[in-house]
Amino acid sequence: MGDLGFTGLDDDPDNPVVITGCKAARTKPVTAAKKQVNKLIASVRAVCELAFAHLKNWRILTKLRLNVRHATTLLRALLVLTNTEVAR
């Protein structure tokens, strides 16, 4: 999931790598259906961005010196724990 800054990064509709919202153009406003899609994408992105904001605020990632594979596993576990803590 990406924000509107990543629009056009991957234009293959059959196999999207980055899912982004829809931008309005001067001559073509965003339809009601596209606005709903944008809200759905924003709600999914908000959960992840909030978790990363907590990790940055706690300065956990500054001391991380691991192999990329191990760091990914650790980061996923931290995000799950962060989302669990925030949801309480």
PDB file of N, CA and C in Angstrom:
ATOM      1  N   MET A   1       0.842  -1.175   0.000  1.00  0.00           N
ATOM      2  CA  MET A   1       0.000   0.000   0.000  1.00  0.00           C
ATOM      3  C   MET A   1       0.885   1.235   0.000  1.00  0.00           C
ATOM      4  N   GLY A   2       0.542   2.166  -0.819  1.00  0.00           N
ATOM      5  CA  GLY A   2       1.324   3.395  -0.895  1.00  0.00           C
ATOM      6  C   GLY A   2       0.415   4.603  -0.945  1.00  0.00           C
ATOM      7  N   ASP A   3       0.985   5.749  -0.649  1.00  0.00           N
ATOM      8  CA  ASP A   3       0.186   6.965  -0.735  1.00  0.00           C
ATOM      9  C   ASP A   3       0.189   7.479  -2.178  1.00  0.00           C
ATOM     10  N   LEU A   4      -0.424   8.615  -2.397  1.00  0.00           N
ATOM     11  CA  LEU A   4      -0.591   9.115  -3.760  1.00  0.00           C
ATOM     12  C   LEU A   4       0.725   9.552  -4.407  1.00  0.00           C
ATOM     13  N   GLY A   5       1.783   9.629  -3.630  1.00  0.00           N
ATOM     14  CA  GLY A   5       3.079   9.936  -4.201  1.00  0.00           C
ATOM     15  C   GLY A   5       3.632   8.802  -5.045  1.00  0.00           C
ATOM     16  N   PHE A   6       3.127   7.591  -4.851  1.00  0.00           N
ATOM     17  CA  PHE A   6       3.590   6.424  -5.594  1.00  0.00           C
ATOM     18  C   PHE A   6       2.706   6.097  -6.790  1.00  0.00           C
ATOM     19  N   THR A   7       1.760   6.955  -7.131  1.00  0.00           N
ATOM     20  CA  THR A   7       0.878   6.710  -8.255  1.00  0.00           C
ATOM     21  C   THR A   7       1.688   6.621  -9.544  1.00  0.00           C
ATOM     22  N   GLY A   8       1.414   5.595 -10.333  1.00  0.00           N
ATOM     23  CA  GLY A   8       2.114   5.412 -11.595  1.00  0.00           C
ATOM     24  C   GLY A   8       3.390   4.616 -11.481  1.00  0.00           C
ATOM     25  N   LEU A   9       3.760   4.226 -10.258  1.00  0.00           N
ATOM     26  CA  LEU A   9       4.978   3.448 -10.087  1.00  0.00           C
ATOM     27  C   LEU A   9       4.867   2.092 -10.751  1.00  0.00           C
ATOM     28  N   ASP A  10       3.710   1.474 -10.623  1.00  0.00           N
ATOM     29  CA  ASP A  10       3.490   0.173 -11.237  1.00  0.00           C
ATOM     30  C   ASP A  10       2.146   0.235 -11.947  1.00  0.00           C
ATOM     31  N   ASP A  11       2.172   0.337 -13.252  1.00  0.00           N
ATOM     32  CA  ASP A  11       0.949   0.509 -14.029  1.00  0.00           C
ATOM     33  C   ASP A  11       0.370  -0.792 -14.557  1.00  0.00           C
ATOM     34  N   ASP A  12       0.858  -1.936 -14.084  1.00  0.00           N
ATOM     35  CA  ASP A  12       0.341  -3.220 -14.545  1.00  0.00           C
ATOM     36  C   ASP A  12      -0.902  -3.568 -13.726  1.00  0.00           C
ATOM     37  N   PRO A  13      -2.121  -3.495 -14.298  1.00  0.00           N
ATOM     38  CA  PRO A  13      -3.333  -3.742 -13.516  1.00  0.00           C
ATOM     39  C   PRO A  13      -3.511  -5.211 -13.131  1.00  0.00           C
ATOM     40  N   ASP A  14      -2.872  -6.132 -13.854  1.00  0.00           N
ATOM     41  CA  ASP A  14      -3.027  -7.551 -13.542  1.00  0.00           C
ATOM     42  C   ASP A  14      -2.170  -7.985 -12.358  1.00  0.00           C
ATOM     43  N   ASN A  15      -1.036  -7.335 -12.157  1.00  0.00           N
ATOM     44  CA  ASN A  15      -0.127  -7.709 -11.088  1.00  0.00           C
ATOM     45  C   ASN A  15       0.424  -6.455 -10.411  1.00  0.00           C
ATOM     46  N   PRO A  16      -0.390  -5.776  -9.590  1.00  0.00           N
ATOM     47  CA  PRO A  16       0.093  -4.544  -8.962  1.00  0.00           C
ATOM     48  C   PRO A  16       1.054  -4.852  -7.810  1.00  0.00           C
ATOM     49  N   VAL A  17       2.165  -4.156  -7.802  1.00  0.00           N
ATOM     50  CA  VAL A  17       3.124  -4.297  -6.717  1.00  0.00           C
ATOM     51  C   VAL A  17       2.821  -3.266  -5.634  1.00  0.00           C
ATOM     52  N   VAL A  18       2.487  -2.057  -6.054  1.00  0.00           N
ATOM     53  CA  VAL A  18       2.143  -0.984  -5.131  1.00  0.00           C
ATOM     54  C   VAL A  18       0.704  -0.583  -5.394  1.00  0.00           C
ATOM     55  N   ILE A  19      -0.119  -0.667  -4.373  1.00  0.00           N
ATOM     56  CA  ILE A  19      -1.521  -0.284  -4.499  1.00  0.00           C
ATOM     57  C   ILE A  19      -1.658   1.142  -3.979  1.00  0.00           C
ATOM     58  N   THR A  20      -2.150   2.026  -4.837  1.00  0.00           N
ATOM     59  CA  THR A  20      -2.301   3.429  -4.457  1.00  0.00           C
ATOM     60  C   THR A  20      -3.736   3.877  -4.695  1.00  0.00           C
ATOM     61  N   GLY A  21      -4.042   5.037  -4.191  1.00  0.00           N
ATOM     62  CA  GLY A  21      -5.359   5.613  -4.406  1.00  0.00           C
ATOM     63  C   GLY A  21      -5.460   6.270  -5.770  1.00  0.00           C
ATOM     64  N   CYS A  22      -6.519   7.010  -5.972  1.00  0.00           N
ATOM     65  CA  CYS A  22      -6.769   7.677  -7.257  1.00  0.00           C
ATOM     66  C   CYS A  22      -6.667   9.184  -7.060  1.00  0.00           C
ATOM     67  N   LYS A  23      -5.966   9.836  -7.968  1.00  0.00           N
ATOM     68  CA  LYS A  23      -5.838  11.286  -7.935  1.00  0.00           C
ATOM     69  C   LYS A  23      -6.891  11.920  -8.835  1.00  0.00           C
ATOM     70  N   ALA A  24      -7.295  13.122  -8.485  1.00  0.00           N
ATOM     71  CA  ALA A  24      -8.192  13.885  -9.339  1.00  0.00           C
ATOM     72  C   ALA A  24      -7.365  14.749 -10.273  1.00  0.00           C
ATOM     73  N   ALA A  25      -7.843  14.892 -11.485  1.00  0.00           N
ATOM     74  CA  ALA A  25      -7.201  15.790 -12.451  1.00  0.00           C
ATOM     75  C   ALA A  25      -8.049  17.051 -12.580  1.00  0.00           C
ATOM     76  N   ARG A  26      -7.534  18.031 -13.269  1.00  0.00           N
ATOM     77  CA  ARG A  26      -8.294  19.273 -13.426  1.00  0.00           C
ATOM     78  C   ARG A  26      -9.607  19.032 -14.157  1.00  0.00           C
ATOM     79  N   THR A  27      -9.556  18.199 -15.164  1.00  0.00           N
ATOM     80  CA  THR A  27     -10.750  17.975 -15.989  1.00  0.00           C
ATOM     81  C   THR A  27     -11.533  16.739 -15.577  1.00  0.00           C
ATOM     82  N   LYS A  28     -11.010  15.964 -14.654  1.00  0.00           N
ATOM     83  CA  LYS A  28     -11.642  14.694 -14.296  1.00  0.00           C
ATOM     84  C   LYS A  28     -11.669  14.531 -12.774  1.00  0.00           C
ATOM     85  N   PRO A  29     -12.770  14.912 -12.115  1.00  0.00           N
ATOM     86  CA  PRO A  29     -12.835  14.775 -10.658  1.00  0.00           C
ATOM     87  C   PRO A  29     -12.963  13.305 -10.246  1.00  0.00           C
ATOM     88  N   VAL A  30     -12.666  13.037  -8.995  1.00  0.00           N
ATOM     89  CA  VAL A  30     -12.742  11.684  -8.462  1.00  0.00           C
ATOM     90  C   VAL A  30     -14.204  11.317  -8.241  1.00  0.00           C
ATOM     91  N   THR A  31     -14.602  10.139  -8.713  1.00  0.00           N
ATOM     92  CA  THR A  31     -15.986   9.683  -8.555  1.00  0.00           C
ATOM     93  C   THR A  31     -16.227   9.220  -7.122  1.00  0.00           C
ATOM     94  N   ALA A  32     -17.467   8.980  -6.789  1.00  0.00           N
ATOM     95  CA  ALA A  32     -17.826   8.535  -5.438  1.00  0.00           C
ATOM     96  C   ALA A  32     -17.241   7.152  -5.147  1.00  0.00           C
ATOM     97  N   ALA A  33     -17.227   6.284  -6.140  1.00  0.00           N
ATOM     98  CA  ALA A  33     -16.667   4.938  -5.945  1.00  0.00           C
ATOM     99  C   ALA A  33     -15.161   5.015  -5.687  1.00  0.00           C
ATOM    100  N   LYS A  34     -14.470   5.880  -6.416  1.00  0.00           N
ATOM    101  CA  LYS A  34     -13.026   6.022  -6.216  1.00  0.00           C
ATOM    102  C   LYS A  34     -12.726   6.662  -4.864  1.00  0.00           C
ATOM    103  N   LYS A  35     -13.610   7.532  -4.395  1.00  0.00           N
ATOM    104  CA  LYS A  35     -13.430   8.115  -3.065  1.00  0.00           C
ATOM    105  C   LYS A  35     -13.534   7.040  -1.991  1.00  0.00           C
ATOM    106  N   GLN A  36     -14.463   6.091  -2.171  1.00  0.00           N
ATOM    107  CA  GLN A  36     -14.586   4.983  -1.226  1.00  0.00           C
ATOM    108  C   GLN A  36     -13.336   4.114  -1.243  1.00  0.00           C
ATOM    109  N   VAL A  37     -12.794   3.859  -2.438  1.00  0.00           N
ATOM    110  CA  VAL A  37     -11.563   3.081  -2.548  1.00  0.00           C
ATOM    111  C   VAL A  37     -10.425   3.804  -1.840  1.00  0.00           C
ATOM    112  N   ASN A  38     -10.332   5.113  -2.020  1.00  0.00           N
ATOM    113  CA  ASN A  38      -9.297   5.892  -1.351  1.00  0.00           C
ATOM    114  C   ASN A  38      -9.429   5.811   0.167  1.00  0.00           C
ATOM    115  N   LYS A  39     -10.656   5.838   0.676  1.00  0.00           N
ATOM    116  CA  LYS A  39     -10.870   5.731   2.123  1.00  0.00           C
ATOM    117  C   LYS A  39     -10.466   4.362   2.638  1.00  0.00           C
ATOM    118  N   LEU A  40     -10.770   3.318   1.874  1.00  0.00           N
ATOM    119  CA  LEU A  40     -10.359   1.962   2.274  1.00  0.00           C
ATOM    120  C   LEU A  40      -8.842   1.840   2.330  1.00  0.00           C
ATOM    121  N   ILE A  41      -8.172   2.331   1.309  1.00  0.00           N
ATOM    122  CA  ILE A  41      -6.711   2.261   1.273  1.00  0.00           C
ATOM    123  C   ILE A  41      -6.115   3.072   2.420  1.00  0.00           C
ATOM    124  N   ALA A  42      -6.678   4.233   2.689  1.00  0.00           N
ATOM    125  CA  ALA A  42      -6.182   5.079   3.773  1.00  0.00           C
ATOM    126  C   ALA A  42      -6.370   4.410   5.133  1.00  0.00           C
ATOM    127  N   SER A  43      -7.484   3.707   5.325  1.00  0.00           N
ATOM    128  CA  SER A  43      -7.713   3.048   6.611  1.00  0.00           C
ATOM    129  C   SER A  43      -6.738   1.900   6.838  1.00  0.00           C
ATOM    130  N   VAL A  44      -6.384   1.190   5.769  1.00  0.00           N
ATOM    131  CA  VAL A  44      -5.412   0.102   5.898  1.00  0.00           C
ATOM    132  C   VAL A  44      -4.022   0.674   6.162  1.00  0.00           C
ATOM    133  N   ARG A  45      -3.671   1.748   5.452  1.00  0.00           N
ATOM    134  CA  ARG A  45      -2.359   2.350   5.632  1.00  0.00           C
ATOM    135  C   ARG A  45      -2.210   2.998   7.003  1.00  0.00           C
ATOM    136  N   ALA A  46      -3.281   3.515   7.558  1.00  0.00           N
ATOM    137  CA  ALA A  46      -3.214   4.228   8.830  1.00  0.00           C
ATOM    138  C   ALA A  46      -2.759   3.303   9.959  1.00  0.00           C
ATOM    139  N   VAL A  47      -3.202   2.072   9.943  1.00  0.00           N
ATOM    140  CA  VAL A  47      -2.819   1.126  10.992  1.00  0.00           C
ATOM    141  C   VAL A  47      -1.315   0.902  10.968  1.00  0.00           C
ATOM    142  N   CYS A  48      -0.780   0.669   9.799  1.00  0.00           N
ATOM    143  CA  CYS A  48       0.650   0.408   9.660  1.00  0.00           C
ATOM    144  C   CYS A  48       1.474   1.657   9.972  1.00  0.00           C
ATOM    145  N   GLU A  49       1.039   2.804   9.495  1.00  0.00           N
ATOM    146  CA  GLU A  49       1.793   4.024   9.742  1.00  0.00           C
ATOM    147  C   GLU A  49       1.787   4.398  11.219  1.00  0.00           C
ATOM    148  N   LEU A  50       0.707   4.145  11.923  1.00  0.00           N
ATOM    149  CA  LEU A  50       0.652   4.414  13.356  1.00  0.00           C
ATOM    150  C   LEU A  50       1.616   3.505  14.106  1.00  0.00           C
ATOM    151  N   ALA A  51       1.681   2.232  13.701  1.00  0.00           N
ATOM    152  CA  ALA A  51       2.601   1.303  14.354  1.00  0.00           C
ATOM    153  C   ALA A  51       4.052   1.726  14.128  1.00  0.00           C
ATOM    154  N   PHE A  52       4.393   2.137  12.906  1.00  0.00           N
ATOM    155  CA  PHE A  52       5.754   2.599  12.644  1.00  0.00           C
ATOM    156  C   PHE A  52       6.053   3.882  13.411  1.00  0.00           C
ATOM    157  N   ALA A  53       5.064   4.741  13.579  1.00  0.00           N
ATOM    158  CA  ALA A  53       5.266   5.965  14.352  1.00  0.00           C
ATOM    159  C   ALA A  53       5.594   5.639  15.804  1.00  0.00           C
ATOM    160  N   HIS A  54       4.919   4.631  16.360  1.00  0.00           N
ATOM    161  CA  HIS A  54       5.222   4.215  17.736  1.00  0.00           C
ATOM    162  C   HIS A  54       6.628   3.645  17.833  1.00  0.00           C
ATOM    163  N   LEU A  55       7.015   2.815  16.869  1.00  0.00           N
ATOM    164  CA  LEU A  55       8.361   2.245  16.893  1.00  0.00           C
ATOM    165  C   LEU A  55       9.424   3.333  16.772  1.00  0.00           C
ATOM    166  N   LYS A  56       9.172   4.343  15.953  1.00  0.00           N
ATOM    167  CA  LYS A  56      10.132   5.440  15.825  1.00  0.00           C
ATOM    168  C   LYS A  56      10.176   6.275  17.098  1.00  0.00           C
ATOM    169  N   ASN A  57       9.027   6.472  17.716  1.00  0.00           N
ATOM    170  CA  ASN A  57       8.964   7.256  18.939  1.00  0.00           C
ATOM    171  C   ASN A  57       9.701   6.549  20.077  1.00  0.00           C
ATOM    172  N   TRP A  58       9.599   5.233  20.132  1.00  0.00           N
ATOM    173  CA  TRP A  58      10.279   4.464  21.175  1.00  0.00           C
ATOM    174  C   TRP A  58      11.749   4.240  20.839  1.00  0.00           C
ATOM    175  N   ARG A  59      12.199   4.654  19.657  1.00  0.00           N
ATOM    176  CA  ARG A  59      13.582   4.550  19.193  1.00  0.00           C
ATOM    177  C   ARG A  59      14.110   3.120  19.228  1.00  0.00           C
ATOM    178  N   ILE A  60      13.239   2.195  18.887  1.00  0.00           N
ATOM    179  CA  ILE A  60      13.630   0.788  18.847  1.00  0.00           C
ATOM    180  C   ILE A  60      14.489   0.507  17.625  1.00  0.00           C
ATOM    181  N   LEU A  61      14.171   1.134  16.521  1.00  0.00           N
ATOM    182  CA  LEU A  61      14.848   0.813  15.266  1.00  0.00           C
ATOM    183  C   LEU A  61      16.251   1.397  15.169  1.00  0.00           C
ATOM    184  N   THR A  62      16.614   2.347  16.026  1.00  0.00           N
ATOM    185  CA  THR A  62      17.938   2.963  15.928  1.00  0.00           C
ATOM    186  C   THR A  62      19.038   2.011  16.379  1.00  0.00           C
ATOM    187  N   LYS A  63      18.725   1.073  17.253  1.00  0.00           N
ATOM    188  CA  LYS A  63      19.730   0.162  17.785  1.00  0.00           C
ATOM    189  C   LYS A  63      19.707  -1.200  17.105  1.00  0.00           C
ATOM    190  N   LEU A  64      18.961  -1.307  16.044  1.00  0.00           N
ATOM    191  CA  LEU A  64      18.792  -2.590  15.361  1.00  0.00           C
ATOM    192  C   LEU A  64      19.968  -2.841  14.423  1.00  0.00           C
ATOM    193  N   ARG A  65      20.780  -3.850  14.739  1.00  0.00           N
ATOM    194  CA  ARG A  65      21.913  -4.227  13.900  1.00  0.00           C
ATOM    195  C   ARG A  65      21.848  -5.725  13.662  1.00  0.00           C
ATOM    196  N   LEU A  66      21.013  -6.131  12.706  1.00  0.00           N
ATOM    197  CA  LEU A  66      20.783  -7.548  12.430  1.00  0.00           C
ATOM    198  C   LEU A  66      20.849  -7.810  10.942  1.00  0.00           C
ATOM    199  N   ASN A  67      20.849  -9.094  10.621  1.00  0.00           N
ATOM    200  CA  ASN A  67      20.667  -9.525   9.248  1.00  0.00           C
ATOM    201  C   ASN A  67      19.278  -9.082   8.796  1.00  0.00           C
ATOM    202  N   VAL A  68      19.121  -8.767   7.519  1.00  0.00           N
ATOM    203  CA  VAL A  68      17.847  -8.257   7.008  1.00  0.00           C
ATOM    204  C   VAL A  68      16.723  -9.262   7.248  1.00  0.00           C
ATOM    205  N   ARG A  69      16.985 -10.540   7.056  1.00  0.00           N
ATOM    206  CA  ARG A  69      15.947 -11.554   7.251  1.00  0.00           C
ATOM    207  C   ARG A  69      15.491 -11.597   8.709  1.00  0.00           C
ATOM    208  N   HIS A  70      16.432 -11.533   9.637  1.00  0.00           N
ATOM    209  CA  HIS A  70      16.073 -11.548  11.057  1.00  0.00           C
ATOM    210  C   HIS A  70      15.406 -10.239  11.474  1.00  0.00           C
ATOM    211  N   ALA A  71      15.857  -9.133  10.888  1.00  0.00           N
ATOM    212  CA  ALA A  71      15.254  -7.842  11.212  1.00  0.00           C
ATOM    213  C   ALA A  71      13.808  -7.787  10.745  1.00  0.00           C
ATOM    214  N   THR A  72      13.516  -8.383   9.592  1.00  0.00           N
ATOM    215  CA  THR A  72      12.140  -8.400   9.092  1.00  0.00           C
ATOM    216  C   THR A  72      11.236  -9.180  10.027  1.00  0.00           C
ATOM    217  N   THR A  73      11.705 -10.323  10.488  1.00  0.00           N
ATOM    218  CA  THR A  73      10.916 -11.136  11.422  1.00  0.00           C
ATOM    219  C   THR A  73      10.687 -10.389  12.730  1.00  0.00           C
ATOM    220  N   LEU A  74      11.735  -9.771  13.237  1.00  0.00           N
ATOM    221  CA  LEU A  74      11.615  -9.010  14.479  1.00  0.00           C
ATOM    222  C   LEU A  74      10.683  -7.819  14.313  1.00  0.00           C
ATOM    223  N   LEU A  75      10.796  -7.139  13.193  1.00  0.00           N
ATOM    224  CA  LEU A  75       9.944  -5.970  12.947  1.00  0.00           C
ATOM    225  C   LEU A  75       8.481  -6.370  12.839  1.00  0.00           C
ATOM    226  N   ARG A  76       8.196  -7.488  12.194  1.00  0.00           N
ATOM    227  CA  ARG A  76       6.808  -7.956  12.116  1.00  0.00           C
ATOM    228  C   ARG A  76       6.259  -8.267  13.506  1.00  0.00           C
ATOM    229  N   ALA A  77       7.066  -8.920  14.330  1.00  0.00           N
ATOM    230  CA  ALA A  77       6.628  -9.231  15.697  1.00  0.00           C
ATOM    231  C   ALA A  77       6.388  -7.955  16.494  1.00  0.00           C
ATOM    232  N   LEU A  78       7.273  -6.967  16.343  1.00  0.00           N
ATOM    233  CA  LEU A  78       7.095  -5.696  17.052  1.00  0.00           C
ATOM    234  C   LEU A  78       5.842  -4.961  16.591  1.00  0.00           C
ATOM    235  N   LEU A  79       5.555  -5.009  15.299  1.00  0.00           N
ATOM    236  CA  LEU A  79       4.346  -4.350  14.793  1.00  0.00           C
ATOM    237  C   LEU A  79       3.082  -5.013  15.322  1.00  0.00           C
ATOM    238  N   VAL A  80       3.098  -6.342  15.414  1.00  0.00           N
ATOM    239  CA  VAL A  80       1.935  -7.039  15.971  1.00  0.00           C
ATOM    240  C   VAL A  80       1.747  -6.662  17.426  1.00  0.00           C
ATOM    241  N   LEU A  81       2.829  -6.645  18.193  1.00  0.00           N
ATOM    242  CA  LEU A  81       2.725  -6.273  19.600  1.00  0.00           C
ATOM    243  C   LEU A  81       2.297  -4.809  19.754  1.00  0.00           C
ATOM    244  N   THR A  82       2.793  -3.950  18.910  1.00  0.00           N
ATOM    245  CA  THR A  82       2.405  -2.539  18.980  1.00  0.00           C
ATOM    246  C   THR A  82       0.929  -2.357  18.678  1.00  0.00           C
ATOM    247  N   ASN A  83       0.436  -3.022  17.641  1.00  0.00           N
ATOM    248  CA  ASN A  83      -0.987  -2.918  17.299  1.00  0.00           C
ATOM    249  C   ASN A  83      -1.859  -3.497  18.395  1.00  0.00           C
ATOM    250  N   THR A  84      -1.389  -4.571  19.036  1.00  0.00           N
ATOM    251  CA  THR A  84      -2.139  -5.156  20.150  1.00  0.00           C
ATOM    252  C   THR A  84      -2.206  -4.196  21.310  1.00  0.00           C
ATOM    253  N   GLU A  85      -1.080  -3.536  21.611  1.00  0.00           N
ATOM    254  CA  GLU A  85      -1.031  -2.588  22.724  1.00  0.00           C
ATOM    255  C   GLU A  85      -1.899  -1.373  22.460  1.00  0.00           C
ATOM    256  N   VAL A  86      -1.872  -0.874  21.235  1.00  0.00           N
ATOM    257  CA  VAL A  86      -2.665   0.307  20.883  1.00  0.00           C
ATOM    258  C   VAL A  86      -4.153  -0.021  20.902  1.00  0.00           C
ATOM    259  N   ALA A  87      -4.518  -1.237  20.521  1.00  0.00           N
ATOM    260  CA  ALA A  87      -5.925  -1.633  20.448  1.00  0.00           C
ATOM    261  C   ALA A  87      -6.543  -1.805  21.827  1.00  0.00           C
ATOM    262  N   ARG A  88      -5.723  -1.962  22.861  1.00  0.00           N
ATOM    263  CA  ARG A  88      -6.284  -2.176  24.205  1.00  0.00           C
ATOM    264  C   ARG A  88      -6.861  -0.947  24.784  1.00  0.00           C
TER     265      ARG A  88
END
